[in-house]
Protein backbone atom coordinates (compact mmCIF):
# COMPACT_ATOMS: atom_id res chain seq x y z
CA UNK A 1 13.11 -12.92 5.80
CA UNK A 2 16.34 -11.04 5.00
CA UNK A 3 15.12 -10.39 1.43
CA UNK A 4 11.77 -9.11 2.75
CA UNK A 5 13.58 -6.68 5.06
CA UNK A 6 15.60 -5.43 2.08
CA UNK A 7 12.42 -5.02 0.04
CA UNK A 8 10.76 -3.09 2.86
CA UNK A 9 13.71 -0.70 3.17
CA UNK A 10 13.91 -0.28 -0.61
CA UNK A 11 10.24 0.70 -0.81
CA UNK A 12 10.58 3.16 2.06
CA UNK A 13 13.80 4.75 0.79
CA UNK A 14 12.25 5.28 -2.67
CA UNK A 15 9.18 7.01 -1.14
CA UNK A 16 7.06 4.10 -2.33
CA UNK A 17 4.50 4.17 0.48
CA UNK A 18 1.64 6.46 -0.47
CA UNK A 19 -1.42 7.51 1.48
CA UNK A 20 -4.17 8.84 -0.77
CA UNK A 21 -6.28 10.96 1.57
CA UNK A 22 -9.72 12.10 0.47
CA UNK A 23 -11.14 15.19 2.14
CA UNK A 24 -13.29 16.08 3.93
CA UNK A 25 -14.41 12.46 4.52
CA UNK A 26 -10.90 11.35 5.58
CA UNK A 27 -11.12 8.17 3.45
CA UNK A 28 -7.73 6.55 3.06
CA UNK A 29 -6.34 4.42 0.27
CA UNK A 30 -2.84 3.06 0.79
CA UNK A 31 -0.61 2.07 -2.10
CA UNK A 32 2.90 0.69 -2.32
CA UNK A 33 4.78 1.48 -5.49
CA UNK A 34 7.53 -0.93 -6.43
CA UNK A 35 9.91 -1.25 -9.36
CA UNK A 36 7.37 -2.62 -11.81
CA UNK A 37 4.00 -2.37 -10.13
CA UNK A 38 1.71 -0.76 -7.61
CA UNK A 39 -0.40 -2.54 -4.98
CA UNK A 40 -3.23 -1.20 -2.87
CA UNK A 41 -3.69 -2.16 0.74
CA UNK A 42 -6.32 -2.11 3.45
CA UNK A 43 -4.55 -1.83 6.78
CA UNK A 44 -7.69 -2.45 8.80
CA UNK A 45 -8.19 -5.80 7.05
CA UNK A 46 -4.49 -6.58 6.71
CA UNK A 47 -5.04 -7.00 2.96
CA UNK A 48 -2.73 -6.38 0.00
CA UNK A 49 -3.53 -6.78 -3.70
CA UNK A 50 -0.17 -8.45 -4.44
CA UNK A 51 0.10 -11.99 -5.76
CA UNK A 52 1.94 -13.17 -2.66
CA UNK A 53 -0.76 -11.99 -0.25
CA UNK A 54 -2.77 -15.19 -0.10
CA UNK A 55 0.30 -17.40 0.07
CA UNK A 56 1.86 -15.32 2.85
CA UNK A 57 -1.30 -14.54 4.81
CA UNK A 58 -3.23 -17.75 4.39
CA UNK A 59 -0.49 -20.35 4.14
CA UNK A 60 2.24 -18.88 6.33
CA UNK A 61 0.22 -16.60 8.60
CA UNK A 62 2.41 -13.56 8.01
CA UNK A 63 2.22 -10.20 6.25
CA UNK A 64 3.61 -9.61 2.76
CA UNK A 65 6.44 -7.09 2.54
CA UNK A 66 4.07 -4.43 1.19
CA UNK A 67 2.06 -4.49 4.43
CA UNK A 68 5.29 -4.53 6.39
CA UNK A 69 6.57 -1.54 4.38
CA UNK A 70 3.46 0.53 5.16
CA UNK A 71 3.72 -0.15 8.88
CA UNK A 72 7.45 0.59 8.89
CA UNK A 73 6.93 3.81 6.88
CA UNK A 74 4.27 4.92 9.36
CA UNK A 75 6.60 4.16 12.28
CA UNK A 76 9.43 6.11 10.61
CA UNK A 77 7.18 8.96 9.41
CA UNK A 78 8.17 8.23 5.80
CA UNK A 79 4.70 8.18 4.22
CA UNK A 80 3.98 10.37 1.21
CA UNK A 81 0.47 11.79 1.63
CA UNK A 82 -1.42 12.85 -1.48
CA UNK A 83 -4.62 14.78 -0.86
CA UNK A 84 -7.73 14.59 -3.02
CA UNK A 85 -11.25 15.91 -2.79
CA UNK A 86 -14.06 13.45 -2.08
CA UNK A 87 -15.49 14.22 -5.55
CA UNK A 88 -12.38 12.53 -7.02
CA UNK A 89 -12.87 9.26 -5.10
CA UNK A 90 -14.99 7.46 -7.71
CA UNK A 91 -12.64 8.20 -10.60
CA UNK A 92 -9.60 7.30 -8.44
CA UNK A 93 -11.11 3.93 -7.52
CA UNK A 94 -12.09 3.27 -11.14
CA UNK A 95 -8.51 3.92 -12.28
CA UNK A 96 -7.16 1.74 -9.47
CA UNK A 97 -9.40 -1.18 -10.46
CA UNK A 98 -8.38 -0.80 -14.12
CA UNK A 99 -4.71 -1.00 -13.09
CA UNK A 100 -5.35 -4.19 -11.15
CA UNK A 101 -7.14 -5.84 -14.06
């Protein structure tokens, strides 16, 4: 737990929590950028694309530190918002999927 708290603070202090906001639809894609990787999250579903998600969520019943970092960044008003036009959504999602694969 102590390591997770350190990871959360590290992500927040490095401006690693990003909200990709598409306008005018107001679609939101959350990402957490770490040292070596980037993960996307769905806050409504409590989902993260990280490898630890299923182990943490399904086995232990708790959130991974990426989900914790997003919530903490929201609470502390430390979210970097990047605005896009709705016309960019498809290409953004395509690039995101390619990064995951």
